[in-house]
């Protein structure tokens, strides 16, 4: 006859062993490898690939925001999203390229179909596509690694570690934790995320990531009205994920709008961000062409507008979003 006391002792012992193993896994160097770079600055994509297998979970069960390192998504059908994103780039420990947009693809393997942003973020863009200098600068081999990702969390983790724009944080940004050598978190900007055929999919792929949307007041553009209705619907379906800003408010009250944006995405705000000086400091060791592209972005308070609104999109680009005029 089985002794019930011994059975209980055995069951308790098994449970204790399981708990101890789980604690050891969470504290192990291998587990923590996902959340910090090696202090030598080296990066082994095989390590990330093998350790991310535990994150193939449903969105509500995984901390996508921490894994992917996306601080915020910026989109909208008004040209002012450039203003918002570029002011955000001045905050400590975040950065992004002129356009990211990888979430437009259904699968990581399809990111090479996203033109022209795919070419813009190459280390050497094709001669027939004038690309912005604020680029992720990815080599063909690095792009192939990203395309082999099993999910978008893995793709963005690889992007952060491979891109020289994001991974040089240990030498260019003294305001971040140098001991961790973490790459910058990403501000993922794309004017196309707001389109009704994409927005819900983007939200589903990026649980917990805040989405900043800039809208033009309803007017003659049918696409604007359709986008607004869809965005408001998504606000109901994804509570606390989306915040809408009006273009007219951005150009007439930029300080108030940007302070609210930064609070929403949990970043600090300073008036000096409008002068682009912190961003230029981040880019101090980058080629002069990159700094020259950023320098003219200084926000012109007196005119209540930014030179960004006058910048032309690089040749070969996707159609620009509507360019509304500031209210007089």
C-alpha atoms as a PDB file:
ATOM      1  CA  UNK A   1       0.000   0.000   0.000  1.00  0.00           C
ATOM      2  CA  UNK A   2       1.350   3.413  -0.990  1.00  0.00           C
ATOM      3  CA  UNK A   3       2.132   5.751   1.855  1.00  0.00           C
ATOM      4  CA  UNK A   4       0.144   9.013   1.199  1.00  0.00           C
ATOM      5  CA  UNK A   5       2.704  11.079   3.090  1.00  0.00           C
ATOM      6  CA  UNK A   6       5.521   9.894   0.840  1.00  0.00           C
ATOM      7  CA  UNK A   7       3.407  10.650  -2.253  1.00  0.00           C
ATOM      8  CA  UNK A   8       2.854  14.226  -1.089  1.00  0.00           C
ATOM      9  CA  UNK A   9       6.536  14.677  -0.306  1.00  0.00           C
ATOM     10  CA  UNK A  10       7.475  13.404  -3.773  1.00  0.00           C
ATOM     11  CA  UNK A  11       4.984  15.698  -5.515  1.00  0.00           C
ATOM     12  CA  UNK A  12       6.219  18.712  -3.541  1.00  0.00           C
ATOM     13  CA  UNK A  13       9.841  17.878  -4.382  1.00  0.00           C
ATOM     14  CA  UNK A  14       9.062  17.682  -8.106  1.00  0.00           C
ATOM     15  CA  UNK A  15       7.298  21.040  -7.994  1.00  0.00           C
ATOM     16  CA  UNK A  16      10.226  22.636  -6.168  1.00  0.00           C
ATOM     17  CA  UNK A  17      12.680  21.355  -8.779  1.00  0.00           C
ATOM     18  CA  UNK A  18      10.575  22.814 -11.602  1.00  0.00           C
ATOM     19  CA  UNK A  19      10.411  26.228  -9.890  1.00  0.00           C
ATOM     20  CA  UNK A  20      14.174  26.284  -9.308  1.00  0.00           C
ATOM     21  CA  UNK A  21      14.890  25.371 -12.923  1.00  0.00           C
ATOM     22  CA  UNK A  22      12.616  28.180 -14.132  1.00  0.00           C
ATOM     23  CA  UNK A  23      14.385  30.716 -11.887  1.00  0.00           C
ATOM     24  CA  UNK A  24      17.769  29.532 -13.108  1.00  0.00           C
ATOM     25  CA  UNK A  25      16.676  29.885 -16.743  1.00  0.00           C
ATOM     26  CA  UNK A  26      15.484  33.458 -16.216  1.00  0.00           C
ATOM     27  CA  UNK A  27      18.737  34.470 -14.532  1.00  0.00           C
ATOM     28  CA  UNK A  28      21.071  32.617 -16.845  1.00  0.00           C
ATOM     29  CA  UNK A  29      23.496  34.515 -19.071  1.00  0.00           C
ATOM     30  CA  UNK A  30      22.004  32.791 -22.095  1.00  0.00           C
ATOM     31  CA  UNK A  31      18.537  34.171 -21.311  1.00  0.00           C
ATOM     32  CA  UNK A  32      19.859  37.636 -20.562  1.00  0.00           C
ATOM     33  CA  UNK A  33      21.738  37.631 -23.880  1.00  0.00           C
ATOM     34  CA  UNK A  34      18.458  38.645 -25.491  1.00  0.00           C
ATOM     35  CA  UNK A  35      18.290  41.853 -23.511  1.00  0.00           C
ATOM     36  CA  UNK A  36      21.832  43.171 -23.745  1.00  0.00           C
ATOM     37  CA  UNK A  37      24.718  43.227 -26.153  1.00  0.00           C
ATOM     38  CA  UNK A  38      28.023  41.619 -25.388  1.00  0.00           C
ATOM     39  CA  UNK A  39      30.291  44.225 -23.786  1.00  0.00           C
ATOM     40  CA  UNK A  40      32.811  43.657 -26.548  1.00  0.00           C
ATOM     41  CA  UNK A  41      30.214  44.922 -29.028  1.00  0.00           C
ATOM     42  CA  UNK A  42      30.244  41.660 -30.989  1.00  0.00           C
ATOM     43  CA  UNK A  43      27.026  40.203 -32.354  1.00  0.00           C
ATOM     44  CA  UNK A  44      26.278  36.634 -33.268  1.00  0.00           C
ATOM     45  CA  UNK A  45      22.989  36.320 -35.187  1.00  0.00           C
ATOM     46  CA  UNK A  46      22.919  32.564 -34.511  1.00  0.00           C
ATOM     47  CA  UNK A  47      22.661  33.301 -30.780  1.00  0.00           C
ATOM     48  CA  UNK A  48      19.680  35.576 -31.276  1.00  0.00           C
ATOM     49  CA  UNK A  49      18.011  33.081 -33.629  1.00  0.00           C
ATOM     50  CA  UNK A  50      18.367  30.196 -31.196  1.00  0.00           C
ATOM     51  CA  UNK A  51      17.294  32.128 -28.101  1.00  0.00           C
ATOM     52  CA  UNK A  52      14.242  33.772 -29.622  1.00  0.00           C
ATOM     53  CA  UNK A  53      12.447  30.460 -30.110  1.00  0.00           C
ATOM     54  CA  UNK A  54      10.782  30.895 -26.712  1.00  0.00           C
ATOM     55  CA  UNK A  55       9.074  34.042 -28.012  1.00  0.00           C
ATOM     56  CA  UNK A  56       6.960  32.287 -30.660  1.00  0.00           C
ATOM     57  CA  UNK A  57       3.911  33.011 -28.525  1.00  0.00           C
ATOM     58  CA  UNK A  58       0.575  34.706 -29.041  1.00  0.00           C
ATOM     59  CA  UNK A  59       0.937  38.516 -28.896  1.00  0.00           C
ATOM     60  CA  UNK A  60      -0.822  38.805 -25.546  1.00  0.00           C
ATOM     61  CA  UNK A  61       1.609  36.293 -24.022  1.00  0.00           C
ATOM     62  CA  UNK A  62       4.872  37.838 -25.143  1.00  0.00           C
ATOM     63  CA  UNK A  63       6.550  41.163 -24.434  1.00  0.00           C
ATOM     64  CA  UNK A  64       6.924  42.160 -28.063  1.00  0.00           C
ATOM     65  CA  UNK A  65       7.882  45.734 -27.274  1.00  0.00           C
ATOM     66  CA  UNK A  66      10.899  44.652 -25.249  1.00  0.00           C
ATOM     67  CA  UNK A  67      11.945  41.916 -27.650  1.00  0.00           C
ATOM     68  CA  UNK A  68      11.660  43.996 -30.820  1.00  0.00           C
ATOM     69  CA  UNK A  69      12.889  47.228 -29.287  1.00  0.00           C
ATOM     70  CA  UNK A  70      10.279  49.387 -31.019  1.00  0.00           C
ATOM     71  CA  UNK A  71       9.630  52.442 -28.873  1.00  0.00           C
ATOM     72  CA  UNK A  72       6.828  53.857 -31.050  1.00  0.00           C
ATOM     73  CA  UNK A  73       5.216  53.819 -34.473  1.00  0.00           C
ATOM     74  CA  UNK A  74       4.556  57.101 -36.296  1.00  0.00           C
ATOM     75  CA  UNK A  75       2.161  57.333 -39.221  1.00  0.00           C
ATOM     76  CA  UNK A  76      -0.430  59.594 -40.796  1.00  0.00           C
ATOM     77  CA  UNK A  77      -1.745  61.052 -44.012  1.00  0.00           C
ATOM     78  CA  UNK A  78      -0.321  64.506 -43.361  1.00  0.00           C
ATOM     79  CA  UNK A  79       3.267  65.391 -44.203  1.00  0.00           C
ATOM     80  CA  UNK A  80       3.963  66.491 -40.637  1.00  0.00           C
ATOM     81  CA  UNK A  81       4.875  62.961 -39.543  1.00  0.00           C
ATOM     82  CA  UNK A  82       8.417  63.927 -40.530  1.00  0.00           C
ATOM     83  CA  UNK A  83       8.316  66.706 -37.944  1.00  0.00           C
ATOM     84  CA  UNK A  84       7.051  64.391 -35.218  1.00  0.00           C
ATOM     85  CA  UNK A  85       9.518  61.583 -35.899  1.00  0.00           C
ATOM     86  CA  UNK A  86      12.538  63.820 -36.245  1.00  0.00           C
ATOM     87  CA  UNK A  87      11.837  65.646 -33.003  1.00  0.00           C
ATOM     88  CA  UNK A  88      11.476  62.222 -31.331  1.00  0.00           C
ATOM     89  CA  UNK A  89      14.886  61.179 -32.697  1.00  0.00           C
ATOM     90  CA  UNK A  90      16.447  63.770 -30.353  1.00  0.00           C
ATOM     91  CA  UNK A  91      15.353  61.899 -27.217  1.00  0.00           C
ATOM     92  CA  UNK A  92      17.949  59.671 -25.533  1.00  0.00           C
ATOM     93  CA  UNK A  93      18.340  56.074 -26.672  1.00  0.00           C
ATOM     94  CA  UNK A  94      15.967  56.149 -29.668  1.00  0.00           C
ATOM     95  CA  UNK A  95      16.494  56.645 -33.390  1.00  0.00           C
ATOM     96  CA  UNK A  96      15.131  55.592 -36.752  1.00  0.00           C
ATOM     97  CA  UNK A  97      15.722  55.862 -40.463  1.00  0.00           C
ATOM     98  CA  UNK A  98      13.988  58.236 -42.871  1.00  0.00           C
ATOM     99  CA  UNK A  99      11.448  55.455 -43.376  1.00  0.00           C
ATOM    100  CA  UNK A 100      11.207  51.957 -41.871  1.00  0.00           C
ATOM    101  CA  UNK A 101       7.900  50.365 -42.814  1.00  0.00           C
ATOM    102  CA  UNK A 102       8.837  46.666 -42.508  1.00  0.00           C
ATOM    103  CA  UNK A 103       5.468  45.951 -40.864  1.00  0.00           C
ATOM    104  CA  UNK A 104       3.780  46.491 -44.233  1.00  0.00           C
ATOM    105  CA  UNK A 105       4.976  43.017 -45.225  1.00  0.00           C
ATOM    106  CA  UNK A 106       2.853  40.018 -44.278  1.00  0.00           C
ATOM    107  CA  UNK A 107       5.962  38.024 -43.367  1.00  0.00           C
ATOM    108  CA  UNK A 108       9.620  38.928 -42.708  1.00  0.00           C
ATOM    109  CA  UNK A 109      10.623  37.059 -45.877  1.00  0.00           C
ATOM    110  CA  UNK A 110       8.690  39.639 -47.921  1.00  0.00           C
ATOM    111  CA  UNK A 111      10.443  42.835 -46.807  1.00  0.00           C
ATOM    112  CA  UNK A 112      12.398  42.956 -50.067  1.00  0.00           C
ATOM    113  CA  UNK A 113       9.101  43.727 -51.832  1.00  0.00           C
ATOM    114  CA  UNK A 114       8.742  47.052 -50.011  1.00  0.00           C
ATOM    115  CA  UNK A 115       9.988  49.608 -52.493  1.00  0.00           C
ATOM    116  CA  UNK A 116      11.673  52.021 -52.262  1.00  0.00           C
ATOM    117  CA  UNK A 117      12.284  51.775 -48.488  1.00  0.00           C
ATOM    118  CA  UNK A 118      14.033  48.432 -49.010  1.00  0.00           C
ATOM    119  CA  UNK A 119      16.567  50.134 -51.296  1.00  0.00           C
ATOM    120  CA  UNK A 120      16.808  53.260 -49.150  1.00  0.00           C
ATOM    121  CA  UNK A 121      18.022  51.255 -46.158  1.00  0.00           C
ATOM    122  CA  UNK A 122      20.719  49.357 -48.022  1.00  0.00           C
ATOM    123  CA  UNK A 123      24.371  50.024 -47.368  1.00  0.00           C
ATOM    124  CA  UNK A 124      24.798  50.875 -51.049  1.00  0.00           C
ATOM    125  CA  UNK A 125      21.572  51.868 -52.721  1.00  0.00           C
ATOM    126  CA  UNK A 126      21.123  51.281 -56.457  1.00  0.00           C
ATOM    127  CA  UNK A 127      22.350  54.149 -58.589  1.00  0.00           C
ATOM    128  CA  UNK A 128      18.877  54.839 -59.955  1.00  0.00           C
ATOM    129  CA  UNK A 129      17.383  55.452 -56.493  1.00  0.00           C
ATOM    130  CA  UNK A 130      18.576  58.540 -54.644  1.00  0.00           C
ATOM    131  CA  UNK A 131      18.196  57.445 -51.051  1.00  0.00           C
ATOM    132  CA  UNK A 132      18.115  59.491 -47.840  1.00  0.00           C
ATOM    133  CA  UNK A 133      21.363  59.556 -45.867  1.00  0.00           C
ATOM    134  CA  UNK A 134      19.572  58.746 -42.600  1.00  0.00           C
ATOM    135  CA  UNK A 135      19.472  55.064 -43.505  1.00  0.00           C
ATOM    136  CA  UNK A 136      19.856  51.764 -41.649  1.00  0.00           C
ATOM    137  CA  UNK A 137      22.799  50.984 -43.944  1.00  0.00           C
ATOM    138  CA  UNK A 138      22.186  47.240 -44.197  1.00  0.00           C
ATOM    139  CA  UNK A 139      24.337  44.928 -46.298  1.00  0.00           C
ATOM    140  CA  UNK A 140      22.778  42.224 -48.518  1.00  0.00           C
ATOM    141  CA  UNK A 141      23.910  39.576 -46.017  1.00  0.00           C
ATOM    142  CA  UNK A 142      22.247  41.433 -43.142  1.00  0.00           C
ATOM    143  CA  UNK A 143      19.035  41.786 -45.111  1.00  0.00           C
ATOM    144  CA  UNK A 144      19.045  38.043 -45.783  1.00  0.00           C
ATOM    145  CA  UNK A 145      19.324  37.363 -42.049  1.00  0.00           C
ATOM    146  CA  UNK A 146      16.331  39.606 -41.406  1.00  0.00           C
ATOM    147  CA  UNK A 147      14.309  37.907 -44.145  1.00  0.00           C
ATOM    148  CA  UNK A 148      15.016  34.565 -42.468  1.00  0.00           C
ATOM    149  CA  UNK A 149      13.434  35.759 -39.209  1.00  0.00           C
ATOM    150  CA  UNK A 150      10.591  33.640 -37.896  1.00  0.00           C
ATOM    151  CA  UNK A 151       8.589  36.649 -36.683  1.00  0.00           C
ATOM    152  CA  UNK A 152       8.734  40.430 -36.589  1.00  0.00           C
ATOM    153  CA  UNK A 153      10.078  40.507 -33.050  1.00  0.00           C
ATOM    154  CA  UNK A 154      13.123  38.639 -34.282  1.00  0.00           C
ATOM    155  CA  UNK A 155      13.380  40.828 -37.386  1.00  0.00           C
ATOM    156  CA  UNK A 156      13.509  44.073 -35.412  1.00  0.00           C
ATOM    157  CA  UNK A 157      15.924  42.587 -32.877  1.00  0.00           C
ATOM    158  CA  UNK A 158      18.259  41.777 -35.749  1.00  0.00           C
ATOM    159  CA  UNK A 159      17.772  45.220 -37.275  1.00  0.00           C
ATOM    160  CA  UNK A 160      18.797  46.903 -34.029  1.00  0.00           C
ATOM    161  CA  UNK A 161      21.968  44.830 -33.672  1.00  0.00           C
ATOM    162  CA  UNK A 162      23.021  44.947 -37.319  1.00  0.00           C
ATOM    163  CA  UNK A 163      22.318  48.517 -38.412  1.00  0.00           C
ATOM    164  CA  UNK A 164      25.219  50.934 -37.793  1.00  0.00           C
ATOM    165  CA  UNK A 165      22.633  53.670 -37.284  1.00  0.00           C
ATOM    166  CA  UNK A 166      21.195  51.832 -34.263  1.00  0.00           C
ATOM    167  CA  UNK A 167      24.047  49.719 -32.882  1.00  0.00           C
ATOM    168  CA  UNK A 168      26.729  52.400 -32.421  1.00  0.00           C
ATOM    169  CA  UNK A 169      25.047  53.689 -29.287  1.00  0.00           C
ATOM    170  CA  UNK A 170      28.054  52.825 -27.109  1.00  0.00           C
ATOM    171  CA  UNK A 171      30.200  55.415 -28.871  1.00  0.00           C
ATOM    172  CA  UNK A 172      27.776  58.173 -29.827  1.00  0.00           C
ATOM    173  CA  UNK A 173      25.198  58.637 -27.058  1.00  0.00           C
ATOM    174  CA  UNK A 174      26.563  59.307 -23.594  1.00  0.00           C
ATOM    175  CA  UNK A 175      23.065  59.696 -22.141  1.00  0.00           C
ATOM    176  CA  UNK A 176      22.354  55.966 -22.418  1.00  0.00           C
ATOM    177  CA  UNK A 177      23.541  53.130 -20.218  1.00  0.00           C
ATOM    178  CA  UNK A 178      26.968  52.393 -21.680  1.00  0.00           C
ATOM    179  CA  UNK A 179      27.437  49.303 -19.527  1.00  0.00           C
ATOM    180  CA  UNK A 180      24.615  47.506 -21.309  1.00  0.00           C
ATOM    181  CA  UNK A 181      25.724  48.445 -24.835  1.00  0.00           C
ATOM    182  CA  UNK A 182      22.085  48.245 -25.942  1.00  0.00           C
ATOM    183  CA  UNK A 183      21.311  49.429 -29.483  1.00  0.00           C
ATOM    184  CA  UNK A 184      18.869  52.281 -29.888  1.00  0.00           C
ATOM    185  CA  UNK A 185      15.172  51.565 -29.655  1.00  0.00           C
ATOM    186  CA  UNK A 186      13.392  52.199 -32.948  1.00  0.00           C
ATOM    187  CA  UNK A 187      10.990  54.944 -33.966  1.00  0.00           C
ATOM    188  CA  UNK A 188       9.279  53.144 -36.859  1.00  0.00           C
ATOM    189  CA  UNK A 189       7.892  55.767 -39.231  1.00  0.00           C
ATOM    190  CA  UNK A 190       5.894  55.066 -42.370  1.00  0.00           C
ATOM    191  CA  UNK A 191       3.092  57.126 -43.940  1.00  0.00           C
ATOM    192  CA  UNK A 192       1.547  53.911 -45.249  1.00  0.00           C
ATOM    193  CA  UNK A 193       0.740  52.274 -41.895  1.00  0.00           C
ATOM    194  CA  UNK A 194      -2.368  54.474 -41.619  1.00  0.00           C
ATOM    195  CA  UNK A 195      -3.973  52.985 -44.733  1.00  0.00           C
ATOM    196  CA  UNK A 196      -7.058  50.923 -43.800  1.00  0.00           C
ATOM    197  CA  UNK A 197      -5.628  47.810 -45.458  1.00  0.00           C
ATOM    198  CA  UNK A 198      -2.564  47.936 -43.171  1.00  0.00           C
ATOM    199  CA  UNK A 199      -3.371  49.575 -39.827  1.00  0.00           C
ATOM    200  CA  UNK A 200      -5.095  46.675 -38.094  1.00  0.00           C
ATOM    201  CA  UNK A 201      -2.372  44.250 -39.213  1.00  0.00           C
ATOM    202  CA  UNK A 202       0.326  46.595 -37.904  1.00  0.00           C
ATOM    203  CA  UNK A 203      -1.402  46.810 -34.514  1.00  0.00           C
ATOM    204  CA  UNK A 204      -1.788  43.034 -34.333  1.00  0.00           C
ATOM    205  CA  UNK A 205       1.906  42.501 -35.098  1.00  0.00           C
ATOM    206  CA  UNK A 206       3.110  44.957 -32.440  1.00  0.00           C
ATOM    207  CA  UNK A 207       1.303  44.380 -29.133  1.00  0.00           C
ATOM    208  CA  UNK A 208       1.882  47.103 -26.528  1.00  0.00           C
ATOM    209  CA  UNK A 209       3.668  49.459 -28.958  1.00  0.00           C
ATOM    210  CA  UNK A 210       2.105  52.975 -28.970  1.00  0.00           C
ATOM    211  CA  UNK A 211       1.034  54.369 -32.341  1.00  0.00           C
ATOM    212  CA  UNK A 212       1.154  58.116 -33.040  1.00  0.00           C
ATOM    213  CA  UNK A 213      -1.200  59.178 -35.834  1.00  0.00           C
ATOM    214  CA  UNK A 214      -1.192  62.610 -37.473  1.00  0.00           C
ATOM    215  CA  UNK A 215      -4.382  63.524 -39.317  1.00  0.00           C
ATOM    216  CA  UNK A 216      -5.421  66.319 -41.612  1.00  0.00           C
ATOM    217  CA  UNK A 217      -8.778  67.920 -40.894  1.00  0.00           C
ATOM    218  CA  UNK A 218     -11.573  66.422 -42.953  1.00  0.00           C
ATOM    219  CA  UNK A 219     -11.715  68.114 -46.317  1.00  0.00           C
ATOM    220  CA  UNK A 220     -11.634  67.364 -49.980  1.00  0.00           C
ATOM    221  CA  UNK A 221      -9.500  64.227 -49.683  1.00  0.00           C
ATOM    222  CA  UNK A 222     -11.669  61.111 -49.608  1.00  0.00           C
ATOM    223  CA  UNK A 223      -8.748  58.985 -48.416  1.00  0.00           C
ATOM    224  CA  UNK A 224      -8.306  61.258 -45.397  1.00  0.00           C
ATOM    225  CA  UNK A 225     -11.911  60.805 -44.312  1.00  0.00           C
ATOM    226  CA  UNK A 226     -11.759  57.039 -44.813  1.00  0.00           C
ATOM    227  CA  UNK A 227      -8.518  56.823 -42.863  1.00  0.00           C
ATOM    228  CA  UNK A 228      -9.951  58.821 -39.952  1.00  0.00           C
ATOM    229  CA  UNK A 229     -12.988  56.569 -39.653  1.00  0.00           C
ATOM    230  CA  UNK A 230     -10.752  53.501 -39.670  1.00  0.00           C
ATOM    231  CA  UNK A 231      -8.313  54.960 -37.128  1.00  0.00           C
ATOM    232  CA  UNK A 232     -11.144  55.793 -34.743  1.00  0.00           C
ATOM    233  CA  UNK A 233     -12.454  52.246 -35.121  1.00  0.00           C
ATOM    234  CA  UNK A 234      -8.983  50.882 -34.339  1.00  0.00           C
ATOM    235  CA  UNK A 235      -8.868  53.085 -31.238  1.00  0.00           C
ATOM    236  CA  UNK A 236     -11.918  51.230 -29.969  1.00  0.00           C
ATOM    237  CA  UNK A 237     -10.554  47.805 -30.903  1.00  0.00           C
ATOM    238  CA  UNK A 238      -7.074  48.464 -29.463  1.00  0.00           C
ATOM    239  CA  UNK A 239      -7.604  50.588 -26.328  1.00  0.00           C
ATOM    240  CA  UNK A 240      -4.745  52.876 -25.241  1.00  0.00           C
ATOM    241  CA  UNK A 241      -2.645  52.009 -28.294  1.00  0.00           C
ATOM    242  CA  UNK A 242      -3.407  54.946 -30.615  1.00  0.00           C
ATOM    243  CA  UNK A 243      -3.344  58.696 -30.093  1.00  0.00           C
ATOM    244  CA  UNK A 244      -4.510  61.039 -32.867  1.00  0.00           C
ATOM    245  CA  UNK A 245      -3.058  64.497 -33.428  1.00  0.00           C
ATOM    246  CA  UNK A 246      -4.239  67.199 -35.820  1.00  0.00           C
ATOM    247  CA  UNK A 247      -1.864  68.673 -38.357  1.00  0.00           C
ATOM    248  CA  UNK A 248      -3.187  72.189 -37.717  1.00  0.00           C
ATOM    249  CA  UNK A 249      -2.351  71.836 -34.004  1.00  0.00           C
ATOM    250  CA  UNK A 250       1.158  70.623 -34.774  1.00  0.00           C
ATOM    251  CA  UNK A 251       2.054  73.631 -36.916  1.00  0.00           C
ATOM    252  CA  UNK A 252       0.427  76.231 -34.643  1.00  0.00           C
ATOM    253  CA  UNK A 253       1.201  74.716 -31.214  1.00  0.00           C
ATOM    254  CA  UNK A 254       4.197  72.443 -31.786  1.00  0.00           C
ATOM    255  CA  UNK A 255       5.483  72.556 -28.200  1.00  0.00           C
ATOM    256  CA  UNK A 256       2.152  71.445 -26.726  1.00  0.00           C
ATOM    257  CA  UNK A 257       1.655  68.681 -29.281  1.00  0.00           C
ATOM    258  CA  UNK A 258       5.184  67.287 -29.022  1.00  0.00           C
ATOM    259  CA  UNK A 259       5.123  67.340 -25.205  1.00  0.00           C
ATOM    260  CA  UNK A 260       1.956  65.211 -25.332  1.00  0.00           C
ATOM    261  CA  UNK A 261       3.445  62.884 -27.965  1.00  0.00           C
ATOM    262  CA  UNK A 262       6.534  62.279 -25.844  1.00  0.00           C
ATOM    263  CA  UNK A 263       4.435  61.626 -22.731  1.00  0.00           C
ATOM    264  CA  UNK A 264       2.352  59.122 -24.689  1.00  0.00           C
ATOM    265  CA  UNK A 265       5.392  57.132 -25.864  1.00  0.00           C
ATOM    266  CA  UNK A 266       7.141  57.498 -22.489  1.00  0.00           C
ATOM    267  CA  UNK A 267      10.063  59.616 -23.639  1.00  0.00           C
ATOM    268  CA  UNK A 268      11.418  62.827 -22.075  1.00  0.00           C
ATOM    269  CA  UNK A 269      10.829  66.136 -23.815  1.00  0.00           C
ATOM    270  CA  UNK A 270      12.997  69.226 -24.126  1.00  0.00           C
ATOM    271  CA  UNK A 271      12.623  72.396 -26.176  1.00  0.00           C
ATOM    272  CA  UNK A 272      16.141  71.853 -27.500  1.00  0.00           C
ATOM    273  CA  UNK A 273      14.797  68.930 -29.537  1.00  0.00           C
ATOM    274  CA  UNK A 274      13.344  71.458 -31.998  1.00  0.00           C
ATOM    275  CA  UNK A 275      16.889  72.684 -32.683  1.00  0.00           C
ATOM    276  CA  UNK A 276      18.089  69.149 -33.541  1.00  0.00           C
ATOM    277  CA  UNK A 277      21.243  69.607 -31.458  1.00  0.00           C
ATOM    278  CA  UNK A 278      20.852  66.334 -29.478  1.00  0.00           C
ATOM    279  CA  UNK A 279      20.321  64.418 -32.730  1.00  0.00           C
ATOM    280  CA  UNK A 280      23.380  66.015 -34.321  1.00  0.00           C
ATOM    281  CA  UNK A 281      25.358  65.004 -31.235  1.00  0.00           C
ATOM    282  CA  UNK A 282      24.231  61.403 -31.686  1.00  0.00           C
ATOM    283  CA  UNK A 283      25.432  61.528 -35.271  1.00  0.00           C
ATOM    284  CA  UNK A 284      28.770  63.198 -34.468  1.00  0.00           C
ATOM    285  CA  UNK A 285      30.839  60.261 -35.768  1.00  0.00           C
ATOM    286  CA  UNK A 286      28.707  59.601 -38.827  1.00  0.00           C
ATOM    287  CA  UNK A 287      29.613  60.871 -42.323  1.00  0.00           C
ATOM    288  CA  UNK A 288      29.152  64.571 -42.927  1.00  0.00           C
ATOM    289  CA  UNK A 289      26.459  63.800 -45.515  1.00  0.00           C
ATOM    290  CA  UNK A 290      24.250  62.405 -42.745  1.00  0.00           C
ATOM    291  CA  UNK A 291      24.721  65.446 -40.518  1.00  0.00           C
ATOM    292  CA  UNK A 292      24.150  67.780 -43.457  1.00  0.00           C
ATOM    293  CA  UNK A 293      20.805  66.109 -44.098  1.00  0.00           C
ATOM    294  CA  UNK A 294      19.730  66.555 -40.475  1.00  0.00           C
ATOM    295  CA  UNK A 295      20.954  70.122 -39.869  1.00  0.00           C
ATOM    296  CA  UNK A 296      18.225  71.862 -41.960  1.00  0.00           C
ATOM    297  CA  UNK A 297      15.490  70.165 -39.925  1.00  0.00           C
ATOM    298  CA  UNK A 298      15.632  72.860 -37.261  1.00  0.00           C
ATOM    299  CA  UNK A 299      12.082  73.859 -36.445  1.00  0.00           C
ATOM    300  CA  UNK A 300      11.274  77.460 -37.389  1.00  0.00           C
ATOM    301  CA  UNK A 301       9.065  78.671 -34.543  1.00  0.00           C
ATOM    302  CA  UNK A 302       8.601  82.167 -35.904  1.00  0.00           C
ATOM    303  CA  UNK A 303       7.048  80.870 -39.111  1.00  0.00           C
ATOM    304  CA  UNK A 304       5.086  78.118 -37.326  1.00  0.00           C
ATOM    305  CA  UNK A 305       6.308  75.570 -39.811  1.00  0.00           C
ATOM    306  CA  UNK A 306       9.308  73.391 -40.476  1.00  0.00           C
ATOM    307  CA  UNK A 307      11.601  73.144 -43.495  1.00  0.00           C
ATOM    308  CA  UNK A 308      10.661  69.475 -43.403  1.00  0.00           C
ATOM    309  CA  UNK A 309       7.378  70.391 -45.009  1.00  0.00           C
ATOM    310  CA  UNK A 310       9.262  71.793 -47.973  1.00  0.00           C
ATOM    311  CA  UNK A 311      11.631  68.850 -48.359  1.00  0.00           C
ATOM    312  CA  UNK A 312      11.015  66.726 -51.416  1.00  0.00           C
ATOM    313  CA  UNK A 313      10.839  62.993 -51.020  1.00  0.00           C
ATOM    314  CA  UNK A 314      13.877  61.219 -52.539  1.00  0.00           C
ATOM    315  CA  UNK A 315      13.464  60.346 -56.186  1.00  0.00           C
ATOM    316  CA  UNK A 316      11.806  57.047 -56.958  1.00  0.00           C
ATOM    317  CA  UNK A 317       9.780  57.121 -53.748  1.00  0.00           C
ATOM    318  CA  UNK A 318       6.243  56.148 -53.050  1.00  0.00           C
ATOM    319  CA  UNK A 319       3.604  58.847 -53.552  1.00  0.00           C
ATOM    320  CA  UNK A 320       3.727  61.452 -50.821  1.00  0.00           C
ATOM    321  CA  UNK A 321       0.855  61.849 -48.406  1.00  0.00           C
ATOM    322  CA  UNK A 322      -1.268  64.939 -48.815  1.00  0.00           C
ATOM    323  CA  UNK A 323       0.546  68.151 -47.932  1.00  0.00           C
ATOM    324  CA  UNK A 324      -2.000  70.350 -46.110  1.00  0.00           C
ATOM    325  CA  UNK A 325      -1.370  74.044 -45.638  1.00  0.00           C
ATOM    326  CA  UNK A 326      -1.110  75.494 -42.156  1.00  0.00           C
ATOM    327  CA  UNK A 327      -4.134  77.402 -40.999  1.00  0.00           C
ATOM    328  CA  UNK A 328      -3.606  81.151 -41.289  1.00  0.00           C
END
